[in-house]
Amino acid sequence: MTQDLRSSRVGSKKADELEALFEFTDALYRANSLAEVYDAAFDAIRRALRCERASILLFDQAGTMRFVAWRGLSEAYRKAVAGHSPWKQGDCDAVPIFIGEVDAADEPDALKQTLNAEGIHALAFIPLTANGRVIGKFMTYRDEPHVFTQEEAVLSLTIARQLGFSIESRRAQEAHRRAEELLRRSKERLQVILDSANEYAIITLDEAGRITSWNSGAERLLGYRETEILGRSGEIFFSAEDRAANVPEREMWSALHDGRAANERWHRRKDGSRFWGSGVMLPVEASSPDRYLKIFRDRTEERRAERRQQLLIGELNHRVKNTLATVQSLAEQTLKNADTPKTFAKAFTSRLLALAEAHDLLTREAWQAVQLGDIARAVLKAWIEDGRADLEGPSIRISPKQALALAMAFNELLTNAIKYGALSRPEGRIMLSWECNGGCTLRWEERGGPPAVAPSRQGFGIRVLNRALAYELGYPADLRFEPTGVICTIKMDLVDDDPQLGGPKDKGAKM
């Protein structure tokens, strides 16, 4: 009778253990997180091993054993034994360790005191493994000394194998989920970056050169919507000349074999307009369906500016040479007509200043067309401010060549007016006016000065007015010496086909 009862109890215990293991397996299958895995393990330990206190510890990235879950342990105890482990991370062939009586164990006294203070008098270390290597452990704690049986050892290892496999599987799943989330966020950030880079066309192409992606910058720059461009050949925005010369194919070949291909050429938008595209084509790793990455932007204005700069540098060299020749001629002619070094210095300085004023004005206008009135004001500024010189004429732009010639002519007329003409007397005045209709006629008229008398010999000033103006403007000056004062009439043509030269003809505008 007693034997039958004992056998019945053993059978009931084994059935309970088997049920606990089955439920553990089922719980692991249904677990959605590591926390649920740990809870299922504690339930199995409680039912199969009949132990209420337990813990699960795993190695961290630094290789230190850390508590990740526990039942029935104080914080002080966990802090005291944190990091303690009979194995190192990655050890193979680890076997369980059972301590049936703490006080009799071959352990340091400090550890025994910590265990006794927690009310632990027997414990077991069960290794958790993945792919045959230790990743952590679970532990069971008993309030009284305990004799661990072979059956408990087998149950412990069974729980450990399932727990270790489930932890590693769950870690892999969570790592995969995190990687997918990171990839999703990365793609979202990349798309935001691509769409925000609307100054740049960013395009990918497959191995055959067909367009596979198209950012908002490409849509803005080239005029095609993504829905109408995907799958079409990347040749679509090349010029007909470049397509005929197989430039798109050569560009892909260079990107593939040289690692990059410069993209510096004219392109065409959907509406047919041209722009200068500047960028690069790069190869994409062979495992990707995208084979080429093409990035470029519109640098039409920069290219035009570079070309203008080159032309300006060439023009500057030309003008410097011409200016030096002009200065040399000024010096030679002034010296011929000067009686003393003092008169030479004064006349030469005056002429250089007039030339410098004109050059300064032209420099501010980047040596493009300038206002005729601005040239006149630059020479007559002091006399205009003094109320003794008036300007009147339409707003008109003239070429740099005409501006320099007029600046020198106005200076010679002014110098003569100061020395011999209207400005040699306080009541004298000058009127400079012009009328334009296809060409321009300028009139310099002096009033209030002494009667004008023609000089007995031609000085440099008269030669400037006659020869220089005839050469630079195409017409000689008409210089008359009247009793009322000097009157000089100057004619010149305007270049109608130069957009810099035509300005609004506001006849009668007061300057």
Protein backbone atom coordinates (compact mmCIF):
# COMPACT_ATOMS: atom_id res chain seq x y z
CA MET A 1 0.00 0.00 0.00
CA THR A 2 2.79 2.44 0.96
CA GLN A 3 4.76 1.46 -2.15
CA ASP A 4 1.76 2.08 -4.37
CA LEU A 5 1.22 5.51 -2.77
CA ARG A 6 4.86 6.40 -3.29
CA SER A 7 4.72 5.33 -6.93
CA SER A 8 1.54 7.33 -7.39
CA ARG A 9 3.21 10.46 -5.99
CA VAL A 10 6.26 9.99 -8.22
CA GLY A 11 4.02 9.56 -11.23
CA SER A 12 2.05 12.67 -10.34
CA LYS A 13 5.25 14.66 -9.86
CA LYS A 14 6.64 13.60 -13.23
CA ALA A 15 3.36 14.44 -14.91
CA ASP A 16 3.44 17.88 -13.31
CA GLU A 17 7.03 18.40 -14.44
CA LEU A 18 6.20 17.34 -17.99
CA GLU A 19 3.18 19.62 -18.03
CA ALA A 20 5.34 22.49 -16.74
CA LEU A 21 7.88 21.90 -19.53
CA PHE A 22 5.12 21.70 -22.13
CA GLU A 23 3.57 24.95 -20.91
CA PHE A 24 7.04 26.53 -20.88
CA THR A 25 7.58 25.55 -24.51
CA ASP A 26 4.16 26.88 -25.45
CA ALA A 27 4.74 30.14 -23.55
CA LEU A 28 8.09 30.64 -25.29
CA TYR A 29 6.40 30.14 -28.66
CA ARG A 30 3.77 32.76 -27.85
CA ALA A 31 6.16 35.26 -26.18
CA ASN A 32 6.39 38.66 -27.85
CA SER A 33 9.26 40.04 -25.80
CA LEU A 34 12.21 39.02 -23.67
CA ALA A 35 10.25 40.03 -20.57
CA GLU A 36 7.59 37.42 -21.44
CA VAL A 37 10.35 34.84 -22.07
CA TYR A 38 11.79 35.51 -18.60
CA ASP A 39 8.37 35.25 -16.93
CA ALA A 40 7.72 31.91 -18.67
CA ALA A 41 11.11 30.61 -17.43
CA PHE A 42 10.35 31.59 -13.84
CA ASP A 43 6.98 29.82 -14.01
CA ALA A 44 8.68 26.66 -15.33
CA ILE A 45 11.36 26.83 -12.59
CA ARG A 46 8.69 27.21 -9.95
CA ARG A 47 6.60 24.28 -11.19
CA ALA A 48 9.26 21.86 -12.47
CA LEU A 49 12.00 22.54 -9.89
CA ARG A 50 9.63 23.69 -7.14
CA CYS A 51 11.73 26.76 -6.44
CA GLU A 52 10.18 30.17 -5.77
CA ARG A 53 13.35 32.27 -5.92
CA ALA A 54 15.35 32.52 -9.13
CA SER A 55 17.22 34.92 -11.41
CA ILE A 56 18.41 35.20 -14.99
CA LEU A 57 21.74 36.86 -15.80
CA LEU A 58 23.35 37.58 -19.19
CA PHE A 59 26.74 38.84 -20.30
CA ASP A 60 26.70 42.46 -21.44
CA GLN A 61 28.78 43.86 -24.31
CA ALA A 62 31.73 44.33 -21.96
CA GLY A 63 31.58 40.62 -20.95
CA THR A 64 30.22 41.27 -17.44
CA MET A 65 27.42 39.11 -16.05
CA ARG A 66 24.36 41.28 -15.28
CA PHE A 67 20.94 40.58 -13.78
CA VAL A 68 18.19 40.93 -16.40
CA ALA A 69 15.29 39.36 -14.44
CA TRP A 70 14.71 37.99 -10.93
CA ARG A 71 12.20 36.83 -8.38
CA GLY A 72 12.55 36.98 -4.58
CA LEU A 73 15.90 38.85 -4.48
CA SER A 74 16.66 42.18 -2.78
CA GLU A 75 18.41 45.08 -4.52
CA ALA A 76 21.23 44.97 -1.97
CA TYR A 77 21.93 41.33 -2.81
CA ARG A 78 21.88 41.94 -6.55
CA LYS A 79 24.35 44.81 -6.20
CA ALA A 80 26.60 42.73 -3.96
CA VAL A 81 26.96 39.78 -6.35
CA ALA A 82 26.66 41.60 -9.70
CA GLY A 83 29.35 40.46 -12.10
CA HIS A 84 30.07 37.21 -10.27
CA SER A 85 30.19 34.23 -12.62
CA PRO A 86 31.89 30.80 -12.65
CA TRP A 87 32.23 31.08 -16.49
CA LYS A 88 33.47 33.58 -19.04
CA GLN A 89 31.49 34.75 -22.03
CA GLY A 90 31.80 32.24 -24.87
CA ASP A 91 33.03 29.33 -22.72
CA CYS A 92 32.25 25.89 -24.12
CA ASP A 93 31.22 22.69 -22.30
CA ALA A 94 29.98 24.53 -19.20
CA VAL A 95 28.18 22.26 -16.69
CA PRO A 96 25.74 23.17 -13.91
CA ILE A 97 27.05 23.90 -10.42
CA PHE A 98 24.98 22.88 -7.42
CA ILE A 99 25.71 24.06 -3.86
CA GLY A 100 23.54 22.09 -1.44
CA GLU A 101 24.75 23.88 1.71
CA VAL A 102 26.26 27.36 1.52
CA ASP A 103 28.08 27.20 4.87
CA ALA A 104 29.90 24.02 3.82
CA ALA A 105 30.79 25.27 0.34
CA ASP A 106 34.31 26.13 -0.76
CA GLU A 107 33.47 29.81 -1.33
CA PRO A 108 34.90 33.07 0.12
CA ASP A 109 33.52 34.02 3.54
CA ALA A 110 32.32 37.40 2.22
CA LEU A 111 30.15 35.66 -0.37
CA LYS A 112 28.79 33.23 2.24
CA GLN A 113 27.88 36.15 4.50
CA THR A 114 26.06 37.86 1.60
CA LEU A 115 24.13 34.67 0.84
CA ASN A 116 23.22 34.07 4.48
CA ALA A 117 22.08 37.70 4.83
CA GLU A 118 19.70 37.12 1.91
CA GLY A 119 18.43 33.89 3.53
CA ILE A 120 19.97 31.70 0.82
CA HIS A 121 21.31 28.35 2.08
CA ALA A 122 21.43 26.37 -1.19
CA LEU A 123 21.72 27.47 -4.82
CA ALA A 124 22.36 26.25 -8.35
CA PHE A 125 24.23 27.81 -11.31
CA ILE A 126 22.77 26.64 -14.64
CA PRO A 127 24.62 27.83 -17.79
CA LEU A 128 22.61 29.37 -20.64
CA THR A 129 24.16 28.65 -24.03
CA ALA A 130 23.65 29.58 -27.66
CA ASN A 131 25.47 27.68 -30.40
CA GLY A 132 27.34 25.78 -27.69
CA ARG A 133 28.78 28.88 -26.00
CA VAL A 134 27.86 30.47 -22.68
CA ILE A 135 25.76 33.65 -22.94
CA GLY A 136 24.59 33.78 -19.32
CA LYS A 137 23.03 31.70 -16.57
CA PHE A 138 19.91 31.17 -14.54
CA MET A 139 20.08 30.53 -10.82
CA THR A 140 17.78 28.98 -8.27
CA TYR A 141 17.89 29.84 -4.57
CA ARG A 142 16.58 27.81 -1.62
CA ASP A 143 15.89 28.88 1.95
CA GLU A 144 17.20 25.63 3.42
CA PRO A 145 20.09 23.27 2.59
CA HIS A 146 19.01 21.07 -0.30
CA VAL A 147 20.09 17.80 -1.88
CA PHE A 148 20.05 18.32 -5.67
CA THR A 149 19.07 15.18 -7.54
CA GLN A 150 20.07 13.97 -10.97
CA GLU A 151 16.47 14.48 -12.04
CA GLU A 152 16.65 18.18 -11.03
CA ALA A 153 19.89 18.54 -12.98
CA VAL A 154 18.23 17.16 -16.11
CA LEU A 155 15.19 19.41 -15.66
CA SER A 156 17.45 22.43 -15.10
CA LEU A 157 19.43 21.76 -18.28
CA THR A 158 16.20 21.21 -20.24
CA ILE A 159 14.87 24.57 -19.08
CA ALA A 160 18.29 26.19 -19.75
CA ARG A 161 18.48 24.86 -23.32
CA GLN A 162 15.03 26.17 -24.21
CA LEU A 163 15.62 29.44 -22.39
CA GLY A 164 19.02 30.01 -24.05
CA PHE A 165 17.65 29.23 -27.51
CA SER A 166 14.64 31.49 -26.97
CA ILE A 167 16.78 34.38 -25.67
CA GLU A 168 19.14 34.15 -28.64
CA SER A 169 16.22 33.84 -31.08
CA ARG A 170 14.43 36.79 -29.52
CA ARG A 171 17.64 38.84 -29.58
CA ALA A 172 18.07 38.04 -33.26
CA GLN A 173 14.47 39.00 -33.97
CA GLU A 174 14.79 42.27 -32.07
CA ALA A 175 18.11 43.03 -33.76
CA HIS A 176 16.46 42.36 -37.12
CA ARG A 177 13.50 44.54 -36.19
CA ARG A 178 15.83 47.34 -35.04
CA ALA A 179 17.82 47.01 -38.25
CA GLU A 180 14.64 47.20 -40.32
CA GLU A 181 13.47 50.21 -38.32
CA LEU A 182 16.85 51.89 -38.74
CA LEU A 183 16.74 51.11 -42.45
CA ARG A 184 13.22 52.51 -42.73
CA ARG A 185 14.20 55.68 -40.88
CA SER A 186 17.38 55.93 -42.93
CA LYS A 187 15.38 55.68 -46.14
CA GLU A 188 12.93 58.28 -44.87
CA ARG A 189 15.79 60.62 -43.91
CA LEU A 190 17.48 60.00 -47.25
CA GLN A 191 14.25 60.80 -49.10
CA VAL A 192 13.81 63.97 -47.05
CA ILE A 193 17.41 64.94 -47.82
CA LEU A 194 16.98 64.20 -51.52
CA ASP A 195 13.73 66.14 -51.71
CA SER A 196 15.14 69.06 -49.71
CA ALA A 197 18.17 69.26 -52.02
CA ASN A 198 15.97 70.89 -54.64
CA GLU A 199 18.93 72.79 -56.10
CA TYR A 200 20.39 69.46 -57.22
CA ALA A 201 19.02 66.88 -59.61
CA ILE A 202 19.68 63.48 -57.99
CA ILE A 203 18.94 60.58 -60.30
CA THR A 204 19.65 56.84 -60.28
CA LEU A 205 19.82 54.65 -63.38
CA ASP A 206 19.88 50.90 -63.92
CA GLU A 207 22.51 48.98 -65.87
CA ALA A 208 20.81 49.80 -69.17
CA GLY A 209 20.79 53.52 -68.37
CA ARG A 210 17.06 53.71 -67.57
CA ILE A 211 15.96 56.13 -64.85
CA THR A 212 14.97 54.37 -61.60
CA SER A 213 14.57 57.31 -59.20
CA TRP A 214 14.02 61.05 -59.58
CA ASN A 215 14.10 63.59 -56.76
CA SER A 216 12.18 66.86 -56.52
CA GLY A 217 15.32 68.77 -57.55
CA ALA A 218 15.39 66.86 -60.83
CA GLU A 219 11.71 67.65 -61.37
CA ARG A 220 12.33 71.35 -60.69
CA LEU A 221 15.45 71.51 -62.85
CA LEU A 222 14.39 69.36 -65.82
CA GLY A 223 10.61 69.79 -65.80
CA TYR A 224 9.62 66.10 -65.85
CA ARG A 225 7.44 64.62 -63.10
CA GLU A 226 8.65 61.37 -61.56
CA THR A 227 5.63 59.46 -62.86
CA GLU A 228 6.40 60.37 -66.48
CA ILE A 229 10.17 59.89 -66.39
CA LEU A 230 10.75 56.60 -64.51
CA GLY A 231 11.83 53.81 -66.84
CA ARG A 232 12.86 56.17 -69.62
CA SER A 233 16.40 56.46 -70.92
CA GLY A 234 18.74 58.84 -69.11
CA GLU A 235 19.67 60.23 -72.54
CA ILE A 236 16.44 62.24 -72.55
CA PHE A 237 17.99 65.40 -71.13
CA PHE A 238 21.20 65.27 -73.19
CA SER A 239 21.56 67.49 -76.25
CA ALA A 240 21.06 65.96 -79.68
CA GLU A 241 24.77 66.52 -80.43
CA ASP A 242 25.84 64.62 -77.29
CA ARG A 243 23.43 61.77 -78.01
CA ALA A 244 24.81 61.48 -81.54
CA ALA A 245 28.33 61.38 -80.09
CA ASN A 246 27.34 58.62 -77.60
CA VAL A 247 28.19 60.85 -74.64
CA PRO A 248 25.64 59.16 -72.28
CA GLU A 249 27.20 55.71 -72.91
CA ARG A 250 30.74 57.06 -72.51
CA GLU A 251 29.73 58.76 -69.26
CA MET A 252 28.42 55.46 -67.81
CA TRP A 253 31.54 53.63 -69.00
CA SER A 254 33.81 56.16 -67.26
CA ALA A 255 31.78 55.98 -64.05
CA LEU A 256 32.01 52.18 -64.04
CA HIS A 257 35.71 51.86 -64.94
CA ASP A 258 37.20 55.05 -63.44
CA GLY A 259 34.96 55.31 -60.37
CA ARG A 260 33.43 58.61 -61.46
CA ALA A 261 32.56 60.61 -64.54
CA ALA A 262 32.44 64.39 -64.68
CA ASN A 263 29.21 65.89 -65.99
CA GLU A 264 29.99 69.34 -67.39
CA ARG A 265 27.90 70.03 -70.46
CA TRP A 266 24.75 71.59 -71.88
CA HIS A 267 21.48 69.80 -71.05
CA ARG A 268 17.90 70.22 -72.26
CA ARG A 269 14.77 70.63 -70.16
CA LYS A 270 11.37 69.21 -71.03
CA ASP A 271 10.38 72.56 -72.60
CA GLY A 272 13.49 72.48 -74.84
CA SER A 273 15.41 75.24 -73.03
CA ARG A 274 19.11 74.72 -72.43
CA PHE A 275 21.13 74.98 -69.22
CA TRP A 276 24.70 74.16 -68.24
CA GLY A 277 24.64 71.09 -65.99
CA SER A 278 27.54 70.59 -63.61
CA GLY A 279 28.00 67.49 -61.49
CA VAL A 280 29.19 63.89 -61.44
CA MET A 281 28.07 60.33 -62.15
CA LEU A 282 29.12 57.58 -59.71
CA PRO A 283 28.77 53.79 -59.85
CA VAL A 284 26.55 52.01 -57.31
CA GLU A 285 27.49 48.62 -55.77
CA ALA A 286 26.70 45.70 -58.04
CA SER A 287 24.16 44.14 -55.61
CA SER A 288 21.83 47.11 -55.98
CA PRO A 289 19.27 47.34 -58.81
CA ASP A 290 20.44 50.94 -59.22
CA ARG A 291 23.73 50.91 -61.15
CA TYR A 292 24.56 54.61 -61.44
CA LEU A 293 24.01 57.72 -59.33
CA LYS A 294 23.95 61.05 -61.17
CA ILE A 295 24.04 64.37 -59.30
CA PHE A 296 24.18 67.75 -61.01
CA ARG A 297 22.90 71.31 -60.77
CA ASP A 298 22.27 74.32 -62.99
CA ARG A 299 25.45 76.40 -63.27
CA THR A 300 24.42 78.41 -66.34
CA GLU A 301 24.89 81.77 -64.66
CA GLU A 302 28.21 80.76 -63.09
CA ARG A 303 29.46 79.56 -66.46
CA ARG A 304 28.40 82.81 -68.11
CA ALA A 305 30.11 84.73 -65.31
CA GLU A 306 33.30 82.71 -65.86
CA ARG A 307 33.18 83.43 -69.57
CA ARG A 308 32.55 87.12 -68.89
CA GLN A 309 35.48 87.14 -66.49
CA GLN A 310 37.74 85.62 -69.13
CA LEU A 311 36.59 88.20 -71.66
CA LEU A 312 37.04 91.00 -69.11
CA ILE A 313 40.57 89.85 -68.32
CA GLY A 314 41.39 89.89 -72.03
CA GLU A 315 39.69 93.27 -72.38
CA LEU A 316 41.56 94.56 -69.33
CA ASN A 317 44.91 93.58 -70.83
CA HIS A 318 43.94 95.37 -74.02
CA ARG A 319 42.75 98.47 -72.18
CA VAL A 320 45.83 98.66 -69.97
CA LYS A 321 48.02 98.66 -73.05
CA ASN A 322 45.84 101.33 -74.69
CA THR A 323 45.78 103.42 -71.50
CA LEU A 324 49.58 103.31 -71.21
CA ALA A 325 49.83 104.41 -74.82
CA THR A 326 47.35 107.23 -74.13
CA VAL A 327 49.29 108.39 -71.06
CA GLN A 328 52.53 108.31 -73.06
CA SER A 329 50.91 110.43 -75.81
CA LEU A 330 49.50 112.85 -73.21
CA ALA A 331 52.92 113.30 -71.71
CA GLU A 332 54.65 113.82 -75.06
CA GLN A 333 52.08 116.29 -76.43
CA THR A 334 51.79 118.22 -73.17
CA LEU A 335 55.56 118.51 -72.97
CA LYS A 336 55.72 119.95 -76.51
CA ASN A 337 53.28 122.73 -75.58
CA ALA A 338 54.55 123.51 -72.06
CA ASP A 339 56.75 126.54 -71.45
CA THR A 340 57.98 125.49 -68.01
CA PRO A 341 58.05 122.31 -65.86
CA LYS A 342 55.33 123.87 -63.69
CA THR A 343 52.90 124.39 -66.57
CA PHE A 344 53.67 120.88 -67.83
CA ALA A 345 52.92 119.36 -64.43
CA LYS A 346 49.66 121.28 -64.08
CA ALA A 347 48.39 120.45 -67.58
CA PHE A 348 49.52 116.83 -67.44
CA THR A 349 47.96 116.27 -64.00
CA SER A 350 44.66 117.75 -65.18
CA ARG A 351 44.52 115.46 -68.17
CA LEU A 352 45.46 112.41 -66.12
CA LEU A 353 42.71 113.20 -63.61
CA ALA A 354 40.13 113.47 -66.39
CA LEU A 355 41.26 110.11 -67.76
CA ALA A 356 41.19 108.61 -64.24
CA GLU A 357 37.66 109.89 -63.58
CA ALA A 358 36.42 108.29 -66.78
CA HIS A 359 38.22 105.03 -65.98
CA ASP A 360 36.77 105.00 -62.47
CA LEU A 361 33.25 105.43 -63.81
CA LEU A 362 33.73 102.70 -66.42
CA THR A 363 35.19 100.35 -63.81
CA ARG A 364 32.11 100.77 -61.64
CA GLU A 365 30.03 99.81 -64.69
CA ALA A 366 32.27 96.76 -65.40
CA TRP A 367 33.39 98.48 -68.64
CA GLN A 368 29.90 98.27 -70.05
CA ALA A 369 27.95 101.19 -71.53
CA VAL A 370 27.69 104.26 -69.24
CA GLN A 371 25.44 107.30 -69.04
CA LEU A 372 26.64 110.25 -71.12
CA GLY A 373 25.49 112.59 -68.34
CA ASP A 374 27.64 110.71 -65.78
CA ILE A 375 30.76 111.31 -67.90
CA ALA A 376 29.96 115.02 -68.19
CA ARG A 377 29.31 115.34 -64.44
CA ALA A 378 32.56 113.55 -63.62
CA VAL A 379 34.53 116.24 -65.51
CA LEU A 380 32.43 119.32 -64.58
CA LYS A 381 31.48 118.31 -61.02
CA ALA A 382 33.09 121.30 -59.22
CA TRP A 383 31.62 123.88 -61.62
CA ILE A 384 28.16 122.30 -61.50
CA GLU A 385 28.21 122.48 -57.70
CA ASP A 386 29.34 126.13 -57.94
CA GLY A 387 26.35 126.89 -60.17
CA ARG A 388 28.44 127.89 -63.18
CA ALA A 389 27.88 124.85 -65.40
CA ASP A 390 24.57 123.35 -66.57
CA LEU A 391 23.83 120.01 -68.23
CA GLU A 392 20.76 119.20 -70.27
CA GLY A 393 19.90 116.20 -72.45
CA PRO A 394 18.19 112.81 -72.59
CA SER A 395 19.27 109.78 -70.60
CA ILE A 396 21.49 107.89 -73.02
CA ARG A 397 24.18 105.22 -72.68
CA ILE A 398 27.37 105.31 -74.68
CA SER A 399 30.19 102.83 -75.22
CA PRO A 400 33.41 102.84 -73.12
CA LYS A 401 35.38 103.99 -76.17
CA GLN A 402 33.07 106.99 -76.69
CA ALA A 403 33.08 107.76 -72.95
CA LEU A 404 36.89 108.04 -72.80
CA ALA A 405 37.01 110.24 -75.88
CA LEU A 406 34.31 112.63 -74.54
CA ALA A 407 35.96 112.77 -71.10
CA MET A 408 39.21 113.96 -72.69
CA ALA A 409 37.33 116.44 -74.95
CA PHE A 410 35.31 117.91 -72.04
CA ASN A 411 38.52 118.27 -70.02
CA GLU A 412 40.28 120.20 -72.82
CA LEU A 413 37.27 122.49 -73.28
CA LEU A 414 37.09 123.04 -69.51
CA THR A 415 40.80 123.80 -69.26
CA ASN A 416 40.51 126.39 -72.07
CA ALA A 417 37.41 127.91 -70.43
CA ILE A 418 39.24 128.32 -67.11
CA LYS A 419 42.37 129.85 -68.66
CA TYR A 420 40.92 131.99 -71.45
CA GLY A 421 37.16 131.61 -71.67
CA ALA A 422 33.95 131.99 -69.66
CA LEU A 423 35.27 130.53 -66.41
CA SER A 424 38.14 133.04 -66.33
CA ARG A 425 35.56 135.63 -65.14
CA PRO A 426 33.22 135.33 -62.12
CA GLU A 427 30.09 135.93 -64.19
CA GLY A 428 30.97 133.40 -66.89
CA ARG A 429 28.96 130.19 -67.38
CA ILE A 430 28.98 126.97 -69.41
CA MET A 431 26.04 125.09 -70.94
CA LEU A 432 26.57 121.51 -72.11
CA SER A 433 23.56 120.00 -73.89
CA TRP A 434 22.85 117.11 -76.26
CA GLU A 435 20.10 115.77 -78.47
CA CYS A 436 19.88 112.15 -79.63
CA ASN A 437 17.90 110.53 -82.41
CA GLY A 438 19.78 107.57 -83.86
CA GLY A 439 22.93 109.60 -83.26
CA CYS A 440 23.81 112.35 -80.80
CA THR A 441 24.78 116.00 -81.23
CA LEU A 442 26.51 117.63 -78.24
CA ARG A 443 26.89 121.41 -77.86
CA TRP A 444 29.39 123.13 -75.56
CA GLU A 445 28.54 126.82 -75.24
CA GLU A 446 30.27 129.51 -73.13
CA ARG A 447 28.63 132.76 -71.99
CA GLY A 448 29.70 135.73 -69.90
CA GLY A 449 33.40 135.50 -70.62
CA PRO A 450 35.73 137.55 -72.82
CA PRO A 451 35.30 137.38 -76.61
CA ALA A 452 36.76 134.15 -77.93
CA VAL A 453 39.78 134.53 -80.18
CA ALA A 454 41.18 131.73 -82.31
CA PRO A 455 44.72 130.79 -81.18
CA SER A 456 47.67 131.58 -83.41
CA ARG A 457 48.84 127.96 -83.29
CA GLN A 458 47.18 124.60 -82.67
CA GLY A 459 47.84 123.34 -79.16
CA PHE A 460 47.30 119.84 -77.86
CA GLY A 461 43.75 120.64 -76.77
CA ILE A 462 42.65 121.54 -80.29
CA ARG A 463 44.36 118.45 -81.69
CA VAL A 464 42.43 116.31 -79.15
CA LEU A 465 39.17 117.88 -80.27
CA ASN A 466 39.89 117.56 -83.98
CA ARG A 467 41.94 114.43 -84.46
CA ALA A 468 41.03 112.25 -81.47
CA LEU A 469 37.29 112.82 -81.73
CA ALA A 470 37.37 112.23 -85.46
CA TYR A 471 39.17 108.92 -84.84
CA GLU A 472 37.18 107.72 -81.81
CA LEU A 473 33.72 109.11 -82.64
CA GLY A 474 33.83 109.16 -86.42
CA TYR A 475 33.26 112.93 -86.71
CA PRO A 476 35.63 115.92 -86.19
CA ALA A 477 34.59 118.55 -83.66
CA ASP A 478 33.17 121.85 -84.95
CA LEU A 479 35.05 124.44 -82.82
CA ARG A 480 34.08 128.10 -83.26
CA PHE A 481 35.45 131.19 -81.49
CA GLU A 482 32.54 133.66 -81.27
CA PRO A 483 32.42 137.11 -79.63
CA THR A 484 30.08 135.60 -77.03
CA GLY A 485 32.43 132.73 -76.29
CA VAL A 486 33.56 129.34 -77.52
CA ILE A 487 30.98 127.05 -79.10
CA CYS A 488 31.93 123.42 -79.78
CA THR A 489 29.65 120.94 -81.54
CA ILE A 490 30.43 117.22 -81.30
CA LYS A 491 28.64 114.43 -83.16
CA MET A 492 28.65 110.66 -82.64
CA ASP A 493 26.64 107.60 -83.63
CA LEU A 494 24.92 105.15 -81.28
CA VAL A 495 25.26 101.41 -81.83
CA ASP A 496 21.64 100.29 -82.11
CA ASP A 497 22.29 96.55 -82.01
CA ASP A 498 24.06 96.73 -78.63
CA PRO A 499 21.43 96.37 -75.84
CA GLN A 500 23.79 98.13 -73.47
CA LEU A 501 23.69 101.28 -75.56
CA GLY A 502 20.12 102.26 -76.24
CA GLY A 503 18.60 103.54 -72.93
CA PRO A 504 15.37 105.51 -72.63
CA LYS A 505 15.42 108.68 -74.73
CA ASP A 506 13.74 111.15 -72.37
CA LYS A 507 14.20 114.26 -74.55
CA GLY A 508 14.33 117.50 -72.71
CA ALA A 509 15.06 115.88 -69.34
CA LYS A 510 16.97 118.22 -67.10
CA MET A 511 20.26 116.65 -66.03
